[in-house]
Amino acid sequence: MFNEENTVEQMVLDTLCGGVTSNMVAEELASYGGEIKGWRFVAAEELPRQHSDVLVESMVRDALIRLNPEIKAQPDRADEVLYRLRTIPLSVQSEGLVRANELFAEWLRGEKSMPFGERGEHTPVRLIDFENLSNNDYVVTNQWVYPDKEGGRRFDIIMLVNGIPLVVGEAKTPVRPAVTWVDGASDIHNGYEQSVPQMFVPNVLSFATEGKCYRYGSVRMPIDIWGPWHEGENKAEGTLADVQRSIRSMLRPHVVLDILQNFTLFATDKKHWRIKIICRYQQYEGANLMVARVVKGYPKKGLIWHFQGSCKSLLMVFAAQKLRMHRSSATPR
């Protein structure tokens, strides 16, 4: 019998674990510190976690020791960081999901520090290596249960970097015309984010697909503004191959981490609600082309065609944010 688990869900897993970096050009690979490891599949029940755990803490601990010399010198310091990280999902009821997500993002981006220096001075804490992406561990799993084995919520797809769940995916059946990606997005937005918001505190993005269309959004983003992800000029939709192309393009490890570090903003809307903004595919592509041109130093001018309401201001913010963080000495600060 065909269902979402043995059709669309399995297709997503096969696509993610089937060499998603194969279409990256050598120049792009070099800019991210050489060859990047892809996603590896680990069954949810084989991950060293309790069902009540948001993080796979042993993997987070290993990454803290691996990526931070001060913690490597005294490994018990990793437990101090883990204690801080655990408190953020616990605060989601009082802080709200978007604010808790913003607080966790500060840790993910390496913006937080701890007094681990030789004289007690604060040093940055790295949960993810953004300079050499091959230093990170990329795991994808399915049928992740939280917070209880019996009666808990069951997530179709979870993508973890160094034991931290950054991406949530919902797959729906492809054989029922009445079921679409909207049903998957609704499960996330109206179901999981409401009943188990703790799982979305570290979240970069979520996606939904029924094998015909692919859509993604950030925490608490209204479903009607979840967007597609296209690659280049190919905007085709409606087939399994189209969904695979979107997954291969967007869910590569370096793209997910690039969105986390450079293409995510937090703001306050007109109703004074805290909101999270992540890029559209055209903003991602345009900003990275701008950054590449600035880093090269030529040509000195160019043109991006826009229309009213295309979020030109956000494009410039994303480009400026990435330029500011770029490690090239030729980049304007």
C-alpha atoms as a PDB file:
ATOM      1  CA  MET A   1       0.000   0.000   0.000  1.00  0.00           C
ATOM      2  CA  PHE A   2       1.266   3.449  -0.898  1.00  0.00           C
ATOM      3  CA  ASN A   3       1.450   6.006   1.910  1.00  0.00           C
ATOM      4  CA  GLU A   4       3.456   9.086   2.786  1.00  0.00           C
ATOM      5  CA  GLU A   5       6.053   7.066   4.707  1.00  0.00           C
ATOM      6  CA  ASN A   6       7.053   4.637   1.948  1.00  0.00           C
ATOM      7  CA  THR A   7       6.673   7.107  -0.925  1.00  0.00           C
ATOM      8  CA  VAL A   8       7.246  10.832  -0.333  1.00  0.00           C
ATOM      9  CA  GLU A   9       9.026  10.505   3.010  1.00  0.00           C
ATOM     10  CA  GLN A  10      11.371   7.853   1.651  1.00  0.00           C
ATOM     11  CA  MET A  11      11.993   9.954  -1.459  1.00  0.00           C
ATOM     12  CA  VAL A  12      13.037  12.902   0.704  1.00  0.00           C
ATOM     13  CA  LEU A  13      15.417  10.726   2.723  1.00  0.00           C
ATOM     14  CA  ASP A  14      16.906   9.143  -0.401  1.00  0.00           C
ATOM     15  CA  THR A  15      17.382  12.574  -1.978  1.00  0.00           C
ATOM     16  CA  LEU A  16      19.044  14.044   1.100  1.00  0.00           C
ATOM     17  CA  CYS A  17      21.411  11.110   1.572  1.00  0.00           C
ATOM     18  CA  GLY A  18      22.143  10.540  -2.096  1.00  0.00           C
ATOM     19  CA  GLY A  19      24.976  12.965  -2.749  1.00  0.00           C
ATOM     20  CA  VAL A  20      23.309  16.348  -2.475  1.00  0.00           C
ATOM     21  CA  THR A  21      26.640  18.124  -2.916  1.00  0.00           C
ATOM     22  CA  SER A  22      27.325  16.637  -6.331  1.00  0.00           C
ATOM     23  CA  ASN A  23      26.158  19.691  -8.273  1.00  0.00           C
ATOM     24  CA  MET A  24      28.214  22.231  -6.341  1.00  0.00           C
ATOM     25  CA  VAL A  25      30.973  23.777  -8.381  1.00  0.00           C
ATOM     26  CA  ALA A  26      34.585  23.561  -7.208  1.00  0.00           C
ATOM     27  CA  GLU A  27      34.769  27.289  -6.515  1.00  0.00           C
ATOM     28  CA  GLU A  28      31.762  27.101  -4.208  1.00  0.00           C
ATOM     29  CA  LEU A  29      33.223  24.123  -2.364  1.00  0.00           C
ATOM     30  CA  ALA A  30      36.513  25.945  -1.847  1.00  0.00           C
ATOM     31  CA  SER A  31      34.746  28.981  -0.396  1.00  0.00           C
ATOM     32  CA  TYR A  32      33.278  26.765   2.332  1.00  0.00           C
ATOM     33  CA  GLY A  33      36.512  25.124   3.385  1.00  0.00           C
ATOM     34  CA  GLY A  34      36.791  22.224   0.966  1.00  0.00           C
ATOM     35  CA  GLU A  35      34.607  19.174   0.536  1.00  0.00           C
ATOM     36  CA  ILE A  36      31.464  19.214   2.652  1.00  0.00           C
ATOM     37  CA  LYS A  37      30.066  16.041   4.131  1.00  0.00           C
ATOM     38  CA  GLY A  38      26.477  15.307   3.190  1.00  0.00           C
ATOM     39  CA  TRP A  39      23.594  14.073   5.312  1.00  0.00           C
ATOM     40  CA  ARG A  40      23.806  10.575   6.755  1.00  0.00           C
ATOM     41  CA  PHE A  41      20.725   8.660   7.814  1.00  0.00           C
ATOM     42  CA  VAL A  42      20.363   7.387  11.384  1.00  0.00           C
ATOM     43  CA  ALA A  43      17.126   5.760  12.536  1.00  0.00           C
ATOM     44  CA  ALA A  44      15.441   7.788  15.262  1.00  0.00           C
ATOM     45  CA  GLU A  45      15.456   4.904  17.736  1.00  0.00           C
ATOM     46  CA  GLU A  46      19.213   4.518  17.262  1.00  0.00           C
ATOM     47  CA  LEU A  47      19.991   8.091  18.266  1.00  0.00           C
ATOM     48  CA  PRO A  48      21.287   8.389  21.862  1.00  0.00           C
ATOM     49  CA  ARG A  49      18.393  10.437  23.255  1.00  0.00           C
ATOM     50  CA  GLN A  50      15.380  10.139  25.479  1.00  0.00           C
ATOM     51  CA  HIS A  51      12.056  10.875  23.822  1.00  0.00           C
ATOM     52  CA  SER A  52      11.757  13.956  26.030  1.00  0.00           C
ATOM     53  CA  ASP A  53      15.040  15.424  24.732  1.00  0.00           C
ATOM     54  CA  VAL A  54      14.992  18.186  22.118  1.00  0.00           C
ATOM     55  CA  LEU A  55      18.751  17.869  21.566  1.00  0.00           C
ATOM     56  CA  VAL A  56      20.870  14.772  21.066  1.00  0.00           C
ATOM     57  CA  GLU A  57      23.064  15.924  23.915  1.00  0.00           C
ATOM     58  CA  SER A  58      25.950  13.489  23.465  1.00  0.00           C
ATOM     59  CA  MET A  59      26.387  14.737  19.890  1.00  0.00           C
ATOM     60  CA  VAL A  60      26.169  18.373  21.007  1.00  0.00           C
ATOM     61  CA  ARG A  61      28.742  17.677  23.706  1.00  0.00           C
ATOM     62  CA  ASP A  62      31.112  16.061  21.199  1.00  0.00           C
ATOM     63  CA  ALA A  63      30.799  19.102  18.930  1.00  0.00           C
ATOM     64  CA  LEU A  64      31.465  21.525  21.782  1.00  0.00           C
ATOM     65  CA  ILE A  65      34.669  19.681  22.667  1.00  0.00           C
ATOM     66  CA  ARG A  66      35.693  19.356  19.019  1.00  0.00           C
ATOM     67  CA  LEU A  67      35.079  22.988  18.041  1.00  0.00           C
ATOM     68  CA  ASN A  68      36.170  24.883  21.170  1.00  0.00           C
ATOM     69  CA  PRO A  69      39.792  24.627  22.406  1.00  0.00           C
ATOM     70  CA  GLU A  70      38.843  26.025  25.816  1.00  0.00           C
ATOM     71  CA  ILE A  71      36.234  23.299  26.272  1.00  0.00           C
ATOM     72  CA  LYS A  72      38.543  20.616  24.895  1.00  0.00           C
ATOM     73  CA  ALA A  73      41.036  21.564  27.620  1.00  0.00           C
ATOM     74  CA  GLN A  74      38.332  21.066  30.274  1.00  0.00           C
ATOM     75  CA  PRO A  75      35.546  18.870  28.829  1.00  0.00           C
ATOM     76  CA  ASP A  76      33.258  19.379  31.825  1.00  0.00           C
ATOM     77  CA  ARG A  77      32.713  22.918  30.536  1.00  0.00           C
ATOM     78  CA  ALA A  78      30.527  21.371  27.832  1.00  0.00           C
ATOM     79  CA  ASP A  79      28.010  20.510  30.539  1.00  0.00           C
ATOM     80  CA  GLU A  80      27.818  24.171  31.546  1.00  0.00           C
ATOM     81  CA  VAL A  81      26.908  25.105  27.975  1.00  0.00           C
ATOM     82  CA  LEU A  82      24.394  22.272  27.706  1.00  0.00           C
ATOM     83  CA  TYR A  83      22.706  23.513  30.882  1.00  0.00           C
ATOM     84  CA  ARG A  84      22.283  26.943  29.270  1.00  0.00           C
ATOM     85  CA  LEU A  85      20.910  25.407  26.070  1.00  0.00           C
ATOM     86  CA  ARG A  86      18.379  23.256  27.945  1.00  0.00           C
ATOM     87  CA  THR A  87      16.867  26.300  29.630  1.00  0.00           C
ATOM     88  CA  ILE A  88      15.834  27.953  26.347  1.00  0.00           C
ATOM     89  CA  PRO A  89      13.235  25.344  25.253  1.00  0.00           C
ATOM     90  CA  LEU A  90      11.945  25.367  28.836  1.00  0.00           C
ATOM     91  CA  SER A  91      11.315  29.116  28.546  1.00  0.00           C
ATOM     92  CA  VAL A  92       9.190  28.894  25.402  1.00  0.00           C
ATOM     93  CA  GLN A  93       5.886  29.203  27.268  1.00  0.00           C
ATOM     94  CA  SER A  94       6.905  32.471  28.902  1.00  0.00           C
ATOM     95  CA  GLU A  95       9.078  33.930  26.125  1.00  0.00           C
ATOM     96  CA  GLY A  96       7.011  32.819  23.152  1.00  0.00           C
ATOM     97  CA  LEU A  97       8.283  30.569  20.364  1.00  0.00           C
ATOM     98  CA  VAL A  98       9.769  33.259  18.117  1.00  0.00           C
ATOM     99  CA  ARG A  99      11.672  34.920  20.962  1.00  0.00           C
ATOM    100  CA  ALA A 100      12.954  31.551  22.233  1.00  0.00           C
ATOM    101  CA  ASN A 101      14.002  30.714  18.665  1.00  0.00           C
ATOM    102  CA  GLU A 102      15.869  34.033  18.480  1.00  0.00           C
ATOM    103  CA  LEU A 103      17.683  33.336  21.746  1.00  0.00           C
ATOM    104  CA  PHE A 104      18.761  29.895  20.542  1.00  0.00           C
ATOM    105  CA  ALA A 105      19.866  31.334  17.201  1.00  0.00           C
ATOM    106  CA  GLU A 106      22.337  33.557  19.057  1.00  0.00           C
ATOM    107  CA  TRP A 107      24.015  30.413  20.408  1.00  0.00           C
ATOM    108  CA  LEU A 108      23.897  28.683  17.027  1.00  0.00           C
ATOM    109  CA  ARG A 109      25.578  31.633  15.323  1.00  0.00           C
ATOM    110  CA  GLY A 110      28.373  31.756  17.879  1.00  0.00           C
ATOM    111  CA  GLU A 111      27.260  35.085  19.339  1.00  0.00           C
ATOM    112  CA  LYS A 112      27.291  33.878  22.945  1.00  0.00           C
ATOM    113  CA  SER A 113      30.332  33.532  25.188  1.00  0.00           C
ATOM    114  CA  MET A 114      31.308  31.881  28.457  1.00  0.00           C
ATOM    115  CA  PRO A 115      34.103  32.703  30.990  1.00  0.00           C
ATOM    116  CA  PHE A 116      36.400  29.947  29.746  1.00  0.00           C
ATOM    117  CA  GLY A 117      39.538  32.017  29.153  1.00  0.00           C
ATOM    118  CA  GLU A 118      42.775  31.514  31.081  1.00  0.00           C
ATOM    119  CA  ARG A 119      41.962  34.428  33.392  1.00  0.00           C
ATOM    120  CA  GLY A 120      38.225  33.957  33.367  1.00  0.00           C
ATOM    121  CA  GLU A 121      37.684  36.180  30.347  1.00  0.00           C
ATOM    122  CA  HIS A 122      34.738  35.387  28.097  1.00  0.00           C
ATOM    123  CA  THR A 123      35.431  33.410  24.926  1.00  0.00           C
ATOM    124  CA  PRO A 124      32.930  32.675  22.103  1.00  0.00           C
ATOM    125  CA  VAL A 125      31.206  29.296  22.187  1.00  0.00           C
ATOM    126  CA  ARG A 126      30.860  27.496  18.866  1.00  0.00           C
ATOM    127  CA  LEU A 127      28.100  24.953  18.382  1.00  0.00           C
ATOM    128  CA  ILE A 128      28.633  24.904  14.603  1.00  0.00           C
ATOM    129  CA  ASP A 129      31.753  25.461  12.513  1.00  0.00           C
ATOM    130  CA  PHE A 130      30.776  27.969   9.818  1.00  0.00           C
ATOM    131  CA  GLU A 131      34.349  28.341   8.555  1.00  0.00           C
ATOM    132  CA  ASN A 132      35.080  24.693   7.772  1.00  0.00           C
ATOM    133  CA  LEU A 133      31.752  22.960   7.308  1.00  0.00           C
ATOM    134  CA  SER A 134      33.379  19.515   7.106  1.00  0.00           C
ATOM    135  CA  ASN A 135      33.912  19.759  10.884  1.00  0.00           C
ATOM    136  CA  ASN A 136      30.182  19.393  11.477  1.00  0.00           C
ATOM    137  CA  ASP A 137      28.102  16.222  11.741  1.00  0.00           C
ATOM    138  CA  TYR A 138      25.004  16.130   9.504  1.00  0.00           C
ATOM    139  CA  VAL A 139      22.290  13.609  10.389  1.00  0.00           C
ATOM    140  CA  VAL A 140      18.814  13.101   8.966  1.00  0.00           C
ATOM    141  CA  THR A 141      16.275  10.857  10.648  1.00  0.00           C
ATOM    142  CA  ASN A 142      12.580  10.049  10.436  1.00  0.00           C
ATOM    143  CA  GLN A 143       9.699   9.169  12.717  1.00  0.00           C
ATOM    144  CA  TRP A 144      11.207  11.187  15.575  1.00  0.00           C
ATOM    145  CA  VAL A 145       8.914  11.005  18.611  1.00  0.00           C
ATOM    146  CA  TYR A 146       8.621  13.800  21.187  1.00  0.00           C
ATOM    147  CA  PRO A 147       8.102  14.088  24.143  1.00  0.00           C
ATOM    148  CA  ASP A 148       6.734  10.608  25.023  1.00  0.00           C
ATOM    149  CA  LYS A 149       6.980   7.273  23.260  1.00  0.00           C
ATOM    150  CA  GLU A 150       3.293   6.609  23.764  1.00  0.00           C
ATOM    151  CA  GLY A 151       1.058   9.437  22.658  1.00  0.00           C
ATOM    152  CA  GLY A 152       3.879  11.804  21.678  1.00  0.00           C
ATOM    153  CA  ARG A 153       4.072  13.756  18.452  1.00  0.00           C
ATOM    154  CA  ARG A 154       5.713  11.907  15.578  1.00  0.00           C
ATOM    155  CA  PHE A 155       7.787  14.022  13.169  1.00  0.00           C
ATOM    156  CA  ASP A 156       8.270  12.667   9.655  1.00  0.00           C
ATOM    157  CA  ILE A 157      11.729  14.119   9.014  1.00  0.00           C
ATOM    158  CA  ILE A 158      14.242  15.827  11.309  1.00  0.00           C
ATOM    159  CA  MET A 159      17.588  17.183  10.086  1.00  0.00           C
ATOM    160  CA  LEU A 160      20.255  17.687  12.756  1.00  0.00           C
ATOM    161  CA  VAL A 161      23.602  19.453  12.718  1.00  0.00           C
ATOM    162  CA  ASN A 162      25.871  18.403  15.601  1.00  0.00           C
ATOM    163  CA  GLY A 163      22.864  16.896  17.366  1.00  0.00           C
ATOM    164  CA  ILE A 164      20.693  20.022  17.068  1.00  0.00           C
ATOM    165  CA  PRO A 165      17.393  19.710  15.120  1.00  0.00           C
ATOM    166  CA  LEU A 166      17.524  22.577  12.609  1.00  0.00           C
ATOM    167  CA  VAL A 167      14.987  21.448  10.008  1.00  0.00           C
ATOM    168  CA  VAL A 168      11.573  19.786  10.368  1.00  0.00           C
ATOM    169  CA  GLY A 169       9.872  18.201   7.363  1.00  0.00           C
ATOM    170  CA  GLU A 170       6.325  16.924   6.918  1.00  0.00           C
ATOM    171  CA  ALA A 171       5.465  14.509   4.091  1.00  0.00           C
ATOM    172  CA  LYS A 172       1.916  13.819   2.941  1.00  0.00           C
ATOM    173  CA  THR A 173       0.492  11.100   0.716  1.00  0.00           C
ATOM    174  CA  PRO A 174       0.816  11.647  -3.040  1.00  0.00           C
ATOM    175  CA  VAL A 175      -2.177   9.496  -4.019  1.00  0.00           C
ATOM    176  CA  ARG A 176      -5.073  11.489  -2.560  1.00  0.00           C
ATOM    177  CA  PRO A 177      -5.931  14.585  -4.644  1.00  0.00           C
ATOM    178  CA  ALA A 178      -7.543  16.291  -1.627  1.00  0.00           C
ATOM    179  CA  VAL A 179      -4.251  16.168   0.325  1.00  0.00           C
ATOM    180  CA  THR A 180      -1.584  18.751  -0.534  1.00  0.00           C
ATOM    181  CA  TRP A 181       1.502  20.353   0.986  1.00  0.00           C
ATOM    182  CA  VAL A 182      -0.892  22.716   2.808  1.00  0.00           C
ATOM    183  CA  ASP A 183      -1.993  19.825   5.013  1.00  0.00           C
ATOM    184  CA  GLY A 184       1.635  19.196   5.975  1.00  0.00           C
ATOM    185  CA  ALA A 185       2.269  22.878   6.651  1.00  0.00           C
ATOM    186  CA  SER A 186      -0.900  22.999   8.743  1.00  0.00           C
ATOM    187  CA  ASP A 187       0.279  20.013  10.780  1.00  0.00           C
ATOM    188  CA  ILE A 188       3.442  21.980  11.576  1.00  0.00           C
ATOM    189  CA  HIS A 189       1.988  25.475  12.045  1.00  0.00           C
ATOM    190  CA  ASN A 190      -1.338  24.649  13.690  1.00  0.00           C
ATOM    191  CA  GLY A 191      -0.318  21.403  15.340  1.00  0.00           C
ATOM    192  CA  TYR A 192       3.294  20.798  16.318  1.00  0.00           C
ATOM    193  CA  GLU A 193       4.328  24.430  16.887  1.00  0.00           C
ATOM    194  CA  GLN A 194       1.326  24.836  19.192  1.00  0.00           C
ATOM    195  CA  SER A 195       1.455  21.559  21.117  1.00  0.00           C
ATOM    196  CA  VAL A 196       5.236  20.924  21.287  1.00  0.00           C
ATOM    197  CA  PRO A 197       6.875  24.315  20.627  1.00  0.00           C
ATOM    198  CA  GLN A 198      10.055  23.180  22.373  1.00  0.00           C
ATOM    199  CA  MET A 199      10.989  21.137  19.294  1.00  0.00           C
ATOM    200  CA  PHE A 200      11.039  24.325  17.199  1.00  0.00           C
ATOM    201  CA  VAL A 201      13.224  26.424  19.476  1.00  0.00           C
ATOM    202  CA  PRO A 202      16.429  25.536  17.526  1.00  0.00           C
ATOM    203  CA  ASN A 203      14.557  25.495  14.187  1.00  0.00           C
ATOM    204  CA  VAL A 204      15.981  27.235  11.101  1.00  0.00           C
ATOM    205  CA  LEU A 205      13.099  26.304   8.803  1.00  0.00           C
ATOM    206  CA  SER A 206      10.363  23.752   8.205  1.00  0.00           C
ATOM    207  CA  PHE A 207       9.123  22.306   4.935  1.00  0.00           C
ATOM    208  CA  ALA A 208       6.138  20.356   3.639  1.00  0.00           C
ATOM    209  CA  THR A 209       5.548  18.353   0.476  1.00  0.00           C
ATOM    210  CA  GLU A 210       3.142  15.822  -0.979  1.00  0.00           C
ATOM    211  CA  GLY A 211       5.541  14.922  -3.766  1.00  0.00           C
ATOM    212  CA  LYS A 212       4.185  17.539  -6.177  1.00  0.00           C
ATOM    213  CA  CYS A 213       4.973  20.893  -4.579  1.00  0.00           C
ATOM    214  CA  TYR A 214       7.595  21.916  -2.016  1.00  0.00           C
ATOM    215  CA  ARG A 215       7.034  24.799   0.396  1.00  0.00           C
ATOM    216  CA  TYR A 216       9.000  26.067   3.398  1.00  0.00           C
ATOM    217  CA  GLY A 217       8.563  28.599   6.181  1.00  0.00           C
ATOM    218  CA  SER A 218       9.963  29.788   9.494  1.00  0.00           C
ATOM    219  CA  VAL A 219       8.459  29.428  12.959  1.00  0.00           C
ATOM    220  CA  ARG A 220       4.984  30.985  13.233  1.00  0.00           C
ATOM    221  CA  MET A 221       5.048  32.096   9.603  1.00  0.00           C
ATOM    222  CA  PRO A 222       1.458  32.081   8.254  1.00  0.00           C
ATOM    223  CA  ILE A 223       0.927  29.194   5.838  1.00  0.00           C
ATOM    224  CA  ASP A 224      -0.232  31.493   3.046  1.00  0.00           C
ATOM    225  CA  ILE A 225       3.260  33.006   2.805  1.00  0.00           C
ATOM    226  CA  TRP A 226       5.225  29.763   2.892  1.00  0.00           C
ATOM    227  CA  GLY A 227       7.290  29.897  -0.268  1.00  0.00           C
ATOM    228  CA  PRO A 228       8.733  27.664  -2.984  1.00  0.00           C
ATOM    229  CA  TRP A 229      12.434  27.147  -3.587  1.00  0.00           C
ATOM    230  CA  HIS A 230      13.541  27.149  -7.205  1.00  0.00           C
ATOM    231  CA  GLU A 231      16.974  26.756  -8.728  1.00  0.00           C
ATOM    232  CA  GLY A 232      18.029  29.093 -11.507  1.00  0.00           C
ATOM    233  CA  GLU A 233      15.403  29.698 -14.169  1.00  0.00           C
ATOM    234  CA  ASN A 234      13.611  26.387 -13.636  1.00  0.00           C
ATOM    235  CA  LYS A 235      10.292  27.205 -11.931  1.00  0.00           C
ATOM    236  CA  ALA A 236       8.512  23.964 -12.869  1.00  0.00           C
ATOM    237  CA  GLU A 237       6.283  22.327 -10.250  1.00  0.00           C
ATOM    238  CA  GLY A 238       3.927  19.395 -10.068  1.00  0.00           C
ATOM    239  CA  THR A 239       6.168  16.335 -10.282  1.00  0.00           C
ATOM    240  CA  LEU A 240       8.342  14.286  -7.991  1.00  0.00           C
ATOM    241  CA  ALA A 241      11.404  15.401  -9.953  1.00  0.00           C
ATOM    242  CA  ASP A 242      10.526  19.050  -9.280  1.00  0.00           C
ATOM    243  CA  VAL A 243      10.324  18.387  -5.537  1.00  0.00           C
ATOM    244  CA  GLN A 244      13.637  16.524  -5.627  1.00  0.00           C
ATOM    245  CA  ARG A 245      15.264  19.463  -7.390  1.00  0.00           C
ATOM    246  CA  SER A 246      14.055  21.867  -4.675  1.00  0.00           C
ATOM    247  CA  ILE A 247      15.283  19.548  -1.912  1.00  0.00           C
ATOM    248  CA  ARG A 248      18.693  19.069  -3.555  1.00  0.00           C
ATOM    249  CA  SER A 249      19.065  22.817  -3.955  1.00  0.00           C
ATOM    250  CA  MET A 250      17.792  24.126  -0.622  1.00  0.00           C
ATOM    251  CA  LEU A 251      18.561  21.401   1.888  1.00  0.00           C
ATOM    252  CA  ARG A 252      22.266  21.017   1.160  1.00  0.00           C
ATOM    253  CA  PRO A 253      24.167  21.419   4.440  1.00  0.00           C
ATOM    254  CA  HIS A 254      25.937  24.616   3.408  1.00  0.00           C
ATOM    255  CA  VAL A 255      22.676  26.259   2.271  1.00  0.00           C
ATOM    256  CA  VAL A 256      20.848  25.464   5.525  1.00  0.00           C
ATOM    257  CA  LEU A 257      23.770  26.884   7.530  1.00  0.00           C
ATOM    258  CA  ASP A 258      24.078  29.891   5.223  1.00  0.00           C
ATOM    259  CA  ILE A 259      20.398  30.678   5.817  1.00  0.00           C
ATOM    260  CA  LEU A 260      20.943  30.321   9.572  1.00  0.00           C
ATOM    261  CA  GLN A 261      23.984  32.586   9.653  1.00  0.00           C
ATOM    262  CA  ASN A 262      23.278  35.194   6.989  1.00  0.00           C
ATOM    263  CA  PHE A 263      19.713  35.012   5.700  1.00  0.00           C
ATOM    264  CA  THR A 264      17.619  35.116   8.868  1.00  0.00           C
ATOM    265  CA  LEU A 265      16.243  38.209  10.580  1.00  0.00           C
ATOM    266  CA  PHE A 266      14.084  38.870  13.625  1.00  0.00           C
ATOM    267  CA  ALA A 267      11.809  41.911  13.702  1.00  0.00           C
ATOM    268  CA  THR A 268       8.617  43.336  15.172  1.00  0.00           C
ATOM    269  CA  ASP A 269       5.524  43.656  12.987  1.00  0.00           C
ATOM    270  CA  LYS A 270       2.896  46.420  12.997  1.00  0.00           C
ATOM    271  CA  LYS A 271       1.003  44.638  15.770  1.00  0.00           C
ATOM    272  CA  HIS A 272       4.182  44.596  17.891  1.00  0.00           C
ATOM    273  CA  TRP A 273       4.509  40.825  17.550  1.00  0.00           C
ATOM    274  CA  ARG A 274       7.994  39.355  17.267  1.00  0.00           C
ATOM    275  CA  ILE A 275       8.426  37.682  13.851  1.00  0.00           C
ATOM    276  CA  LYS A 276      11.119  35.655  12.126  1.00  0.00           C
ATOM    277  CA  ILE A 277      12.069  36.373   8.512  1.00  0.00           C
ATOM    278  CA  ILE A 278      14.039  34.053   6.257  1.00  0.00           C
ATOM    279  CA  CYS A 279      15.031  34.601   2.661  1.00  0.00           C
ATOM    280  CA  ARG A 280      13.223  33.653  -0.528  1.00  0.00           C
ATOM    281  CA  TYR A 281      15.210  31.733  -3.134  1.00  0.00           C
ATOM    282  CA  GLN A 282      15.684  34.805  -5.336  1.00  0.00           C
ATOM    283  CA  GLN A 283      17.038  36.830  -2.387  1.00  0.00           C
ATOM    284  CA  TYR A 284      19.436  34.012  -1.526  1.00  0.00           C
ATOM    285  CA  GLU A 285      20.691  33.751  -5.083  1.00  0.00           C
ATOM    286  CA  GLY A 286      20.878  37.528  -5.640  1.00  0.00           C
ATOM    287  CA  ALA A 287      22.658  38.313  -2.372  1.00  0.00           C
ATOM    288  CA  ASN A 288      25.250  35.581  -2.910  1.00  0.00           C
ATOM    289  CA  LEU A 289      25.944  36.835  -6.447  1.00  0.00           C
ATOM    290  CA  MET A 290      26.445  40.334  -5.018  1.00  0.00           C
ATOM    291  CA  VAL A 291      28.803  39.060  -2.330  1.00  0.00           C
ATOM    292  CA  ALA A 292      30.803  37.033  -4.856  1.00  0.00           C
ATOM    293  CA  ARG A 293      31.199  40.099  -7.076  1.00  0.00           C
ATOM    294  CA  VAL A 294      32.337  42.307  -4.183  1.00  0.00           C
ATOM    295  CA  VAL A 295      34.854  39.706  -3.010  1.00  0.00           C
ATOM    296  CA  LYS A 296      36.284  39.344  -6.537  1.00  0.00           C
ATOM    297  CA  GLY A 297      36.479  43.117  -6.926  1.00  0.00           C
ATOM    298  CA  TYR A 298      35.076  43.146 -10.448  1.00  0.00           C
ATOM    299  CA  PRO A 299      32.997  44.074 -12.311  1.00  0.00           C
ATOM    300  CA  LYS A 300      32.389  47.225 -10.295  1.00  0.00           C
ATOM    301  CA  LYS A 301      28.735  47.696 -11.151  1.00  0.00           C
ATOM    302  CA  GLY A 302      25.662  45.651 -11.983  1.00  0.00           C
ATOM    303  CA  LEU A 303      21.876  45.648 -12.090  1.00  0.00           C
ATOM    304  CA  ILE A 304      19.196  43.543 -10.406  1.00  0.00           C
ATOM    305  CA  TRP A 305      15.710  44.055 -11.832  1.00  0.00           C
ATOM    306  CA  HIS A 306      12.975  44.366  -9.197  1.00  0.00           C
ATOM    307  CA  PHE A 307       9.296  45.112  -9.001  1.00  0.00           C
ATOM    308  CA  GLN A 308       7.209  46.706  -6.251  1.00  0.00           C
ATOM    309  CA  GLY A 309       6.780  44.452  -3.239  1.00  0.00           C
ATOM    310  CA  SER A 310       9.670  42.140  -4.108  1.00  0.00           C
ATOM    311  CA  CYS A 311      11.402  42.826  -0.769  1.00  0.00           C
ATOM    312  CA  LYS A 312      14.342  44.794  -2.159  1.00  0.00           C
ATOM    313  CA  SER A 313      15.180  46.128   1.296  1.00  0.00           C
ATOM    314  CA  LEU A 314      15.490  42.620   2.724  1.00  0.00           C
ATOM    315  CA  LEU A 315      17.763  41.615  -0.143  1.00  0.00           C
ATOM    316  CA  MET A 316      20.105  44.478   0.721  1.00  0.00           C
ATOM    317  CA  VAL A 317      20.021  43.596   4.419  1.00  0.00           C
ATOM    318  CA  PHE A 318      20.899  39.968   3.668  1.00  0.00           C
ATOM    319  CA  ALA A 319      23.729  41.015   1.344  1.00  0.00           C
ATOM    320  CA  ALA A 320      25.111  43.539   3.846  1.00  0.00           C
ATOM    321  CA  GLN A 321      24.862  40.996   6.672  1.00  0.00           C
ATOM    322  CA  LYS A 322      26.834  38.405   4.724  1.00  0.00           C
ATOM    323  CA  LEU A 323      29.439  40.922   3.541  1.00  0.00           C
ATOM    324  CA  ARG A 324      29.999  42.057   7.108  1.00  0.00           C
ATOM    325  CA  MET A 325      30.656  38.485   8.222  1.00  0.00           C
ATOM    326  CA  HIS A 326      32.725  37.409   5.224  1.00  0.00           C
ATOM    327  CA  ARG A 327      36.235  36.320   6.121  1.00  0.00           C
ATOM    328  CA  SER A 328      37.870  37.841   3.015  1.00  0.00           C
ATOM    329  CA  SER A 329      40.187  40.715   3.958  1.00  0.00           C
ATOM    330  CA  ALA A 330      39.069  42.527   0.796  1.00  0.00           C
ATOM    331  CA  THR A 331      35.478  42.655   1.992  1.00  0.00           C
ATOM    332  CA  PRO A 332      34.255  46.075   3.185  1.00  0.00           C
ATOM    333  CA  ARG A 333      33.491  46.157   6.892  1.00  0.00           C
END
